[in-house]
Amino acid sequence: METKEYQIIGLTCQHCVRRVESALLSMAGVGRVFISQDNNRLHIDANPIPPTEEINALLESLGEYRVSETPVK
């Protein structure tokens, strides 16, 4: 399982967090998702990690959500 961290924008409440988590967990290979609304970070554990473009296409279909890549610390 690979892990990747992203910066995520567009989350305004816990409903947004749950909606994005649920959508990401429906993607092939995604095993775990953690979102911190406090620092706008998204952690995905998947095999393989979906391409950023696919993640953004899914998120944009839900609303005004978007990720950008940041290094895992």
N, C-alpha and C. Protein backbone atom coordinates (compact mmCIF):
# COMPACT_ATOMS: atom_id res chain seq x y z
N MET A 1 0.84 -1.17 0.00
CA MET A 1 0.00 0.00 0.00
C MET A 1 0.89 1.24 0.00
N GLU A 2 0.60 2.17 -0.88
CA GLU A 2 1.32 3.44 -0.95
C GLU A 2 0.54 4.51 -0.19
N THR A 3 1.24 5.52 0.27
CA THR A 3 0.62 6.66 0.96
C THR A 3 1.02 7.93 0.24
N LYS A 4 0.05 8.82 0.09
CA LYS A 4 0.32 10.11 -0.53
C LYS A 4 -0.44 11.18 0.22
N GLU A 5 0.17 12.34 0.33
CA GLU A 5 -0.45 13.47 1.01
C GLU A 5 -0.71 14.58 0.00
N TYR A 6 -1.86 15.22 0.16
CA TYR A 6 -2.25 16.32 -0.71
C TYR A 6 -2.70 17.50 0.13
N GLN A 7 -2.63 18.66 -0.45
CA GLN A 7 -3.31 19.85 0.07
C GLN A 7 -4.69 19.83 -0.56
N ILE A 8 -5.75 20.05 0.21
CA ILE A 8 -7.10 20.02 -0.33
C ILE A 8 -7.79 21.35 -0.04
N ILE A 9 -8.52 21.85 -1.02
CA ILE A 9 -9.26 23.09 -0.84
C ILE A 9 -10.74 22.84 -1.10
N GLY A 10 -11.56 23.71 -0.52
CA GLY A 10 -12.99 23.65 -0.76
C GLY A 10 -13.80 23.06 0.38
N LEU A 11 -13.13 22.53 1.40
CA LEU A 11 -13.86 21.93 2.52
C LEU A 11 -14.31 23.02 3.47
N THR A 12 -15.61 23.09 3.73
CA THR A 12 -16.12 24.12 4.61
C THR A 12 -16.74 23.56 5.89
N CYS A 13 -17.00 22.24 5.91
CA CYS A 13 -17.66 21.66 7.08
C CYS A 13 -17.39 20.15 7.11
N GLN A 14 -17.83 19.51 8.19
CA GLN A 14 -17.64 18.07 8.32
C GLN A 14 -18.46 17.29 7.29
N HIS A 15 -19.56 17.84 6.85
CA HIS A 15 -20.33 17.18 5.79
C HIS A 15 -19.47 17.09 4.52
N CYS A 16 -18.75 18.15 4.20
CA CYS A 16 -17.85 18.13 3.04
C CYS A 16 -16.79 17.05 3.21
N VAL A 17 -16.22 16.98 4.40
CA VAL A 17 -15.17 15.99 4.68
C VAL A 17 -15.71 14.58 4.45
N ARG A 18 -16.87 14.28 5.03
CA ARG A 18 -17.46 12.94 4.87
C ARG A 18 -17.78 12.65 3.41
N ARG A 19 -18.28 13.63 2.70
CA ARG A 19 -18.64 13.44 1.29
C ARG A 19 -17.40 13.12 0.45
N VAL A 20 -16.32 13.87 0.67
CA VAL A 20 -15.08 13.64 -0.07
C VAL A 20 -14.48 12.30 0.31
N GLU A 21 -14.45 11.98 1.61
CA GLU A 21 -13.92 10.68 2.05
C GLU A 21 -14.66 9.54 1.39
N SER A 22 -15.96 9.59 1.40
CA SER A 22 -16.78 8.53 0.82
C SER A 22 -16.49 8.37 -0.67
N ALA A 23 -16.41 9.48 -1.38
CA ALA A 23 -16.14 9.43 -2.82
C ALA A 23 -14.76 8.83 -3.09
N LEU A 24 -13.76 9.25 -2.34
CA LEU A 24 -12.41 8.73 -2.56
C LEU A 24 -12.32 7.25 -2.25
N LEU A 25 -13.01 6.81 -1.21
CA LEU A 25 -13.00 5.38 -0.87
C LEU A 25 -13.66 4.52 -1.94
N SER A 26 -14.46 5.12 -2.79
CA SER A 26 -15.10 4.37 -3.87
C SER A 26 -14.17 4.16 -5.07
N MET A 27 -13.02 4.84 -5.06
CA MET A 27 -12.07 4.69 -6.17
C MET A 27 -11.33 3.35 -6.05
N ALA A 28 -11.05 2.75 -7.19
CA ALA A 28 -10.35 1.47 -7.23
C ALA A 28 -8.99 1.58 -6.54
N GLY A 29 -8.72 0.63 -5.65
CA GLY A 29 -7.42 0.54 -5.00
C GLY A 29 -7.28 1.36 -3.74
N VAL A 30 -8.21 2.28 -3.47
CA VAL A 30 -8.09 3.13 -2.29
C VAL A 30 -8.55 2.35 -1.06
N GLY A 31 -7.65 2.26 -0.06
CA GLY A 31 -7.95 1.49 1.13
C GLY A 31 -8.29 2.34 2.33
N ARG A 32 -7.67 3.53 2.41
CA ARG A 32 -7.90 4.38 3.57
C ARG A 32 -7.74 5.84 3.17
N VAL A 33 -8.58 6.69 3.77
CA VAL A 33 -8.55 8.12 3.51
C VAL A 33 -8.64 8.84 4.85
N PHE A 34 -7.79 9.83 5.05
CA PHE A 34 -7.87 10.67 6.23
C PHE A 34 -7.80 12.12 5.79
N ILE A 35 -8.75 12.92 6.24
CA ILE A 35 -8.77 14.34 5.90
C ILE A 35 -8.73 15.14 7.19
N SER A 36 -7.82 16.10 7.26
CA SER A 36 -7.76 17.04 8.36
C SER A 36 -8.25 18.38 7.85
N GLN A 37 -9.43 18.77 8.30
CA GLN A 37 -9.98 20.05 7.88
C GLN A 37 -9.19 21.20 8.53
N ASP A 38 -8.58 20.93 9.68
CA ASP A 38 -7.82 21.97 10.38
C ASP A 38 -6.65 22.51 9.57
N ASN A 39 -5.94 21.60 8.88
CA ASN A 39 -4.79 22.05 8.09
C ASN A 39 -4.94 21.74 6.60
N ASN A 40 -6.17 21.36 6.19
CA ASN A 40 -6.48 21.11 4.78
C ASN A 40 -5.54 20.09 4.14
N ARG A 41 -5.33 18.99 4.85
CA ARG A 41 -4.50 17.89 4.35
C ARG A 41 -5.36 16.66 4.09
N LEU A 42 -5.01 15.96 3.03
CA LEU A 42 -5.66 14.71 2.66
C LEU A 42 -4.58 13.65 2.55
N HIS A 43 -4.76 12.54 3.25
CA HIS A 43 -3.86 11.39 3.18
C HIS A 43 -4.63 10.24 2.55
N ILE A 44 -4.03 9.64 1.54
CA ILE A 44 -4.64 8.49 0.88
C ILE A 44 -3.68 7.32 0.95
N ASP A 45 -4.20 6.16 1.35
CA ASP A 45 -3.47 4.90 1.26
C ASP A 45 -4.15 4.10 0.16
N ALA A 46 -3.39 3.73 -0.87
CA ALA A 46 -3.98 3.02 -1.99
C ALA A 46 -2.93 2.18 -2.69
N ASN A 47 -3.41 1.26 -3.49
CA ASN A 47 -2.53 0.44 -4.31
C ASN A 47 -3.18 0.24 -5.68
N PRO A 48 -2.78 1.00 -6.65
CA PRO A 48 -1.85 2.13 -6.62
C PRO A 48 -2.58 3.42 -6.26
N ILE A 49 -1.81 4.48 -6.01
CA ILE A 49 -2.38 5.81 -5.77
C ILE A 49 -3.00 6.28 -7.09
N PRO A 50 -4.26 6.69 -7.08
CA PRO A 50 -4.87 7.19 -8.32
C PRO A 50 -4.17 8.47 -8.78
N PRO A 51 -4.10 8.70 -10.08
CA PRO A 51 -3.50 9.95 -10.57
C PRO A 51 -4.24 11.18 -10.03
N THR A 52 -3.50 12.23 -9.79
CA THR A 52 -4.08 13.47 -9.25
C THR A 52 -5.21 13.97 -10.14
N GLU A 53 -5.06 13.82 -11.45
CA GLU A 53 -6.09 14.29 -12.38
C GLU A 53 -7.41 13.55 -12.15
N GLU A 54 -7.33 12.25 -11.89
CA GLU A 54 -8.54 11.46 -11.63
C GLU A 54 -9.18 11.85 -10.30
N ILE A 55 -8.35 12.09 -9.30
CA ILE A 55 -8.87 12.52 -8.00
C ILE A 55 -9.61 13.85 -8.17
N ASN A 56 -8.98 14.79 -8.86
CA ASN A 56 -9.61 16.10 -9.05
C ASN A 56 -10.88 16.01 -9.88
N ALA A 57 -10.91 15.17 -10.88
CA ALA A 57 -12.13 15.02 -11.68
C ALA A 57 -13.28 14.52 -10.81
N LEU A 58 -12.99 13.56 -9.94
CA LEU A 58 -14.01 13.05 -9.03
C LEU A 58 -14.46 14.14 -8.06
N LEU A 59 -13.49 14.84 -7.45
CA LEU A 59 -13.84 15.86 -6.47
C LEU A 59 -14.61 17.01 -7.09
N GLU A 60 -14.23 17.41 -8.29
CA GLU A 60 -14.92 18.51 -8.95
C GLU A 60 -16.35 18.13 -9.33
N SER A 61 -16.61 16.83 -9.50
CA SER A 61 -17.98 16.40 -9.79
C SER A 61 -18.87 16.53 -8.54
N LEU A 62 -18.24 16.61 -7.36
CA LEU A 62 -18.98 16.75 -6.10
C LEU A 62 -19.23 18.20 -5.72
N GLY A 63 -18.38 19.08 -6.20
CA GLY A 63 -18.47 20.48 -5.80
C GLY A 63 -17.17 21.18 -6.10
N GLU A 64 -16.86 22.17 -5.32
CA GLU A 64 -15.68 23.01 -5.56
C GLU A 64 -14.48 22.52 -4.76
N TYR A 65 -14.21 21.23 -4.83
CA TYR A 65 -13.08 20.63 -4.11
C TYR A 65 -11.95 20.38 -5.10
N ARG A 66 -10.71 20.48 -4.60
CA ARG A 66 -9.55 20.24 -5.47
C ARG A 66 -8.35 19.91 -4.58
N VAL A 67 -7.48 19.06 -5.11
CA VAL A 67 -6.24 18.74 -4.40
C VAL A 67 -5.04 19.19 -5.21
N SER A 68 -3.96 19.45 -4.50
CA SER A 68 -2.66 19.67 -5.14
C SER A 68 -1.65 18.82 -4.37
N GLU A 69 -0.64 18.37 -5.07
CA GLU A 69 0.32 17.46 -4.46
C GLU A 69 1.27 18.19 -3.53
N THR A 70 1.54 17.56 -2.40
CA THR A 70 2.54 18.04 -1.45
C THR A 70 3.32 16.83 -0.99
N PRO A 71 4.57 17.00 -0.61
CA PRO A 71 5.35 15.84 -0.16
C PRO A 71 4.84 15.30 1.17
N VAL A 72 4.94 13.98 1.35
CA VAL A 72 4.59 13.36 2.62
C VAL A 72 5.68 13.68 3.61
N LYS A 73 5.27 14.10 4.79
CA LYS A 73 6.26 14.47 5.84
C LYS A 73 6.27 13.45 6.93
